C-alpha atoms as a PDB file:
ATOM      1  CA  MET A   1     -27.892 -15.843   2.942  1.00  0.00           C
ATOM      2  CA  THR A   2     -27.284 -12.301   4.127  1.00  0.00           C
ATOM      3  CA  THR A   3     -26.759  -9.280   1.949  1.00  0.00           C
ATOM      4  CA  PHE A   4     -23.091  -9.307   2.944  1.00  0.00           C
ATOM      5  CA  ASP A   5     -22.750 -12.949   1.839  1.00  0.00           C
ATOM      6  CA  GLU A   6     -24.434 -12.152  -1.466  1.00  0.00           C
ATOM      7  CA  ARG A   7     -22.094  -9.219  -2.054  1.00  0.00           C
ATOM      8  CA  GLU A   8     -19.089 -11.367  -1.165  1.00  0.00           C
ATOM      9  CA  ALA A   9     -20.211 -14.082  -3.587  1.00  0.00           C
ATOM     10  CA  GLY A  10     -20.704 -11.426  -6.268  1.00  0.00           C
ATOM     11  CA  PHE A  11     -17.206 -10.033  -5.754  1.00  0.00           C
ATOM     12  CA  GLU A  12     -15.714 -13.529  -5.866  1.00  0.00           C
ATOM     13  CA  ALA A  13     -17.541 -14.289  -9.109  1.00  0.00           C
ATOM     14  CA  LYS A  14     -16.357 -11.024 -10.656  1.00  0.00           C
ATOM     15  CA  PHE A  15     -12.781 -11.706  -9.573  1.00  0.00           C
ATOM     16  CA  ALA A  16     -12.910 -15.199 -11.109  1.00  0.00           C
ATOM     17  CA  HIS A  17     -14.418 -13.822 -14.318  1.00  0.00           C
ATOM     18  CA  ASP A  18     -11.805 -11.049 -14.576  1.00  0.00           C
ATOM     19  CA  ALA A  19      -8.977 -13.549 -13.946  1.00  0.00           C
ATOM     20  CA  ASP A  20     -10.353 -15.826 -16.671  1.00  0.00           C
ATOM     21  CA  ILE A  21     -10.564 -12.950 -19.149  1.00  0.00           C
ATOM     22  CA  GLU A  22      -7.005 -11.833 -18.343  1.00  0.00           C
ATOM     23  CA  PHE A  23      -5.723 -15.398 -18.826  1.00  0.00           C
ATOM     24  CA  ARG A  24      -7.457 -15.600 -22.199  1.00  0.00           C
ATOM     25  CA  VAL A  25      -6.124 -12.173 -23.252  1.00  0.00           C
ATOM     26  CA  ILE A  26      -2.551 -13.184 -22.418  1.00  0.00           C
ATOM     27  CA  ALA A  27      -2.838 -16.535 -24.184  1.00  0.00           C
ATOM     28  CA  ARG A  28      -4.322 -14.917 -27.295  1.00  0.00           C
ATOM     29  CA  ALA A  29      -1.720 -12.141 -27.271  1.00  0.00           C
ATOM     30  CA  ASN A  30       1.084 -14.679 -27.050  1.00  0.00           C
ATOM     31  CA  LYS A  31      -0.411 -16.591 -29.967  1.00  0.00           C
ATOM     32  CA  LEU A  32      -0.629 -13.379 -32.003  1.00  0.00           C
ATOM     33  CA  LEU A  33       2.979 -12.571 -31.097  1.00  0.00           C
ATOM     34  CA  GLY A  34       3.981 -16.087 -32.136  1.00  0.00           C
ATOM     35  CA  ARG A  35       2.301 -15.649 -35.516  1.00  0.00           C
ATOM     36  CA  TRP A  36       4.046 -12.286 -35.974  1.00  0.00           C
ATOM     37  CA  ALA A  37       7.408 -13.851 -35.123  1.00  0.00           C
ATOM     38  CA  ALA A  38       6.724 -16.838 -37.376  1.00  0.00           C
ATOM     39  CA  ALA A  39       6.266 -14.457 -40.300  1.00  0.00           C
ATOM     40  CA  LYS A  40       9.582 -12.787 -39.451  1.00  0.00           C
ATOM     41  CA  LEU A  41      11.200 -16.249 -39.353  1.00  0.00           C
ATOM     42  CA  GLY A  42       9.781 -17.063 -42.782  1.00  0.00           C
ATOM     43  CA  LEU A  43       7.605 -19.923 -41.532  1.00  0.00           C
ATOM     44  CA  SER A  44       4.470 -20.962 -43.365  1.00  0.00           C
ATOM     45  CA  GLY A  45       1.602 -23.413 -43.131  1.00  0.00           C
ATOM     46  CA  ASP A  46       1.415 -25.613 -40.049  1.00  0.00           C
ATOM     47  CA  ALA A  47       4.815 -24.362 -38.884  1.00  0.00           C
ATOM     48  CA  VAL A  48       3.243 -20.966 -38.113  1.00  0.00           C
ATOM     49  CA  GLU A  49       0.648 -22.451 -35.756  1.00  0.00           C
ATOM     50  CA  ASP A  50       3.216 -24.833 -34.241  1.00  0.00           C
ATOM     51  CA  TYR A  51       5.500 -21.916 -33.456  1.00  0.00           C
ATOM     52  CA  ALA A  52       2.606 -19.834 -32.092  1.00  0.00           C
ATOM     53  CA  ARG A  53       1.668 -22.714 -29.742  1.00  0.00           C
ATOM     54  CA  GLU A  54       5.296 -22.924 -28.641  1.00  0.00           C
ATOM     55  CA  VAL A  55       5.229 -19.230 -27.718  1.00  0.00           C
ATOM     56  CA  VAL A  56       1.969 -19.695 -25.789  1.00  0.00           C
ATOM     57  CA  HIS A  57       3.482 -22.688 -23.990  1.00  0.00           C
ATOM     58  CA  THR A  58       6.416 -20.532 -22.861  1.00  0.00           C
ATOM     59  CA  GLU A  59       3.981 -18.561 -20.685  1.00  0.00           C
ATOM     60  CA  PHE A  60       2.976 -21.763 -18.887  1.00  0.00           C
ATOM     61  CA  ILE A  61       6.563 -22.842 -18.225  1.00  0.00           C
ATOM     62  CA  ALA A  62       7.585 -19.533 -16.686  1.00  0.00           C
ATOM     63  CA  PRO A  63       4.700 -17.073 -16.261  1.00  0.00           C
ATOM     64  CA  GLY A  64       5.425 -13.493 -17.178  1.00  0.00           C
ATOM     65  CA  HIS A  65       5.746 -11.668 -20.439  1.00  0.00           C
ATOM     66  CA  GLU A  66       9.523 -11.249 -20.153  1.00  0.00           C
ATOM     67  CA  ASP A  67      10.100 -14.966 -20.781  1.00  0.00           C
ATOM     68  CA  VAL A  68       7.825 -14.861 -23.812  1.00  0.00           C
ATOM     69  CA  VAL A  69       9.508 -11.726 -25.147  1.00  0.00           C
ATOM     70  CA  GLY A  70      12.913 -13.230 -24.391  1.00  0.00           C
ATOM     71  CA  LYS A  71      12.118 -16.430 -26.286  1.00  0.00           C
ATOM     72  CA  VAL A  72      10.865 -14.559 -29.332  1.00  0.00           C
ATOM     73  CA  THR A  73      13.803 -12.144 -29.220  1.00  0.00           C
ATOM     74  CA  THR A  74      16.260 -15.041 -29.056  1.00  0.00           C
ATOM     75  CA  ASP A  75      14.499 -16.871 -31.885  1.00  0.00           C
ATOM     76  CA  LEU A  76      14.570 -13.751 -34.050  1.00  0.00           C
ATOM     77  CA  ALA A  77      18.245 -13.004 -33.415  1.00  0.00           C
ATOM     78  CA  GLY A  78      19.890 -12.582 -36.783  1.00  0.00           C
ATOM     79  CA  HIS A  79      16.635 -11.663 -38.518  1.00  0.00           C
ATOM     80  CA  GLY A  80      16.990  -7.911 -38.052  1.00  0.00           C
ATOM     81  CA  VAL A  81      14.503  -7.742 -35.181  1.00  0.00           C
ATOM     82  CA  THR A  82      15.494  -6.097 -31.903  1.00  0.00           C
ATOM     83  CA  SER A  83      14.211  -6.684 -28.404  1.00  0.00           C
ATOM     84  CA  ALA A  84      12.498  -3.296 -28.638  1.00  0.00           C
ATOM     85  CA  ASP A  85      10.690  -4.458 -31.788  1.00  0.00           C
ATOM     86  CA  VAL A  86       9.462  -7.550 -29.952  1.00  0.00           C
ATOM     87  CA  HIS A  87       8.283  -5.461 -26.979  1.00  0.00           C
ATOM     88  CA  VAL A  88       6.331  -3.193 -29.339  1.00  0.00           C
ATOM     89  CA  ALA A  89       4.820  -6.208 -31.121  1.00  0.00           C
ATOM     90  CA  HIS A  90       3.916  -7.762 -27.755  1.00  0.00           C
ATOM     91  CA  ALA A  91       2.177  -4.586 -26.588  1.00  0.00           C
ATOM     92  CA  ALA A  92       0.265  -4.411 -29.871  1.00  0.00           C
ATOM     93  CA  ALA A  93      -0.693  -8.089 -29.557  1.00  0.00           C
ATOM     94  CA  LEU A  94      -2.010  -7.493 -26.025  1.00  0.00           C
ATOM     95  CA  ALA A  95      -4.132  -4.576 -27.221  1.00  0.00           C
ATOM     96  CA  GLU A  96      -5.441  -6.560 -30.187  1.00  0.00           C
ATOM     97  CA  ALA A  97      -6.198  -9.635 -28.068  1.00  0.00           C
ATOM     98  CA  ARG A  98      -8.069  -7.555 -25.487  1.00  0.00           C
ATOM     99  CA  ASP A  99     -10.055  -5.862 -28.268  1.00  0.00           C
ATOM    100  CA  GLN A 100     -10.895  -9.213 -29.902  1.00  0.00           C
ATOM    101  CA  LEU A 101     -12.104 -10.751 -26.648  1.00  0.00           C
ATOM    102  CA  LEU A 102     -14.163  -7.724 -25.665  1.00  0.00           C
ATOM    103  CA  LYS A 103     -15.842  -7.663 -29.081  1.00  0.00           C
ATOM    104  CA  ALA A 104     -16.498 -11.419 -28.904  1.00  0.00           C
ATOM    105  CA  GLY A 105     -18.405 -10.857 -25.793  1.00  0.00           C
END
């Protein structure tokens, strides 16, 4: 294997690793957002985790944070939570998820 091939393999491995980390950050952030929204909805116990999984699943149906934010915003309609509030909570969840994963190693 040449030096070029080794470098190419290294770049491919880094790309795969970075993509995996980003996927995990997004999934964790969506779960955190789901838990935040569940509290706003007054859910407790298993219903909190069920709702959080539902929010995570939304990302898999239609990738992109706008669908996740839209779902949570719709679910929180009538609970005094605006779309802007959900966007702020989503940004905070992304930062927290990234921090958690980086600390975990």
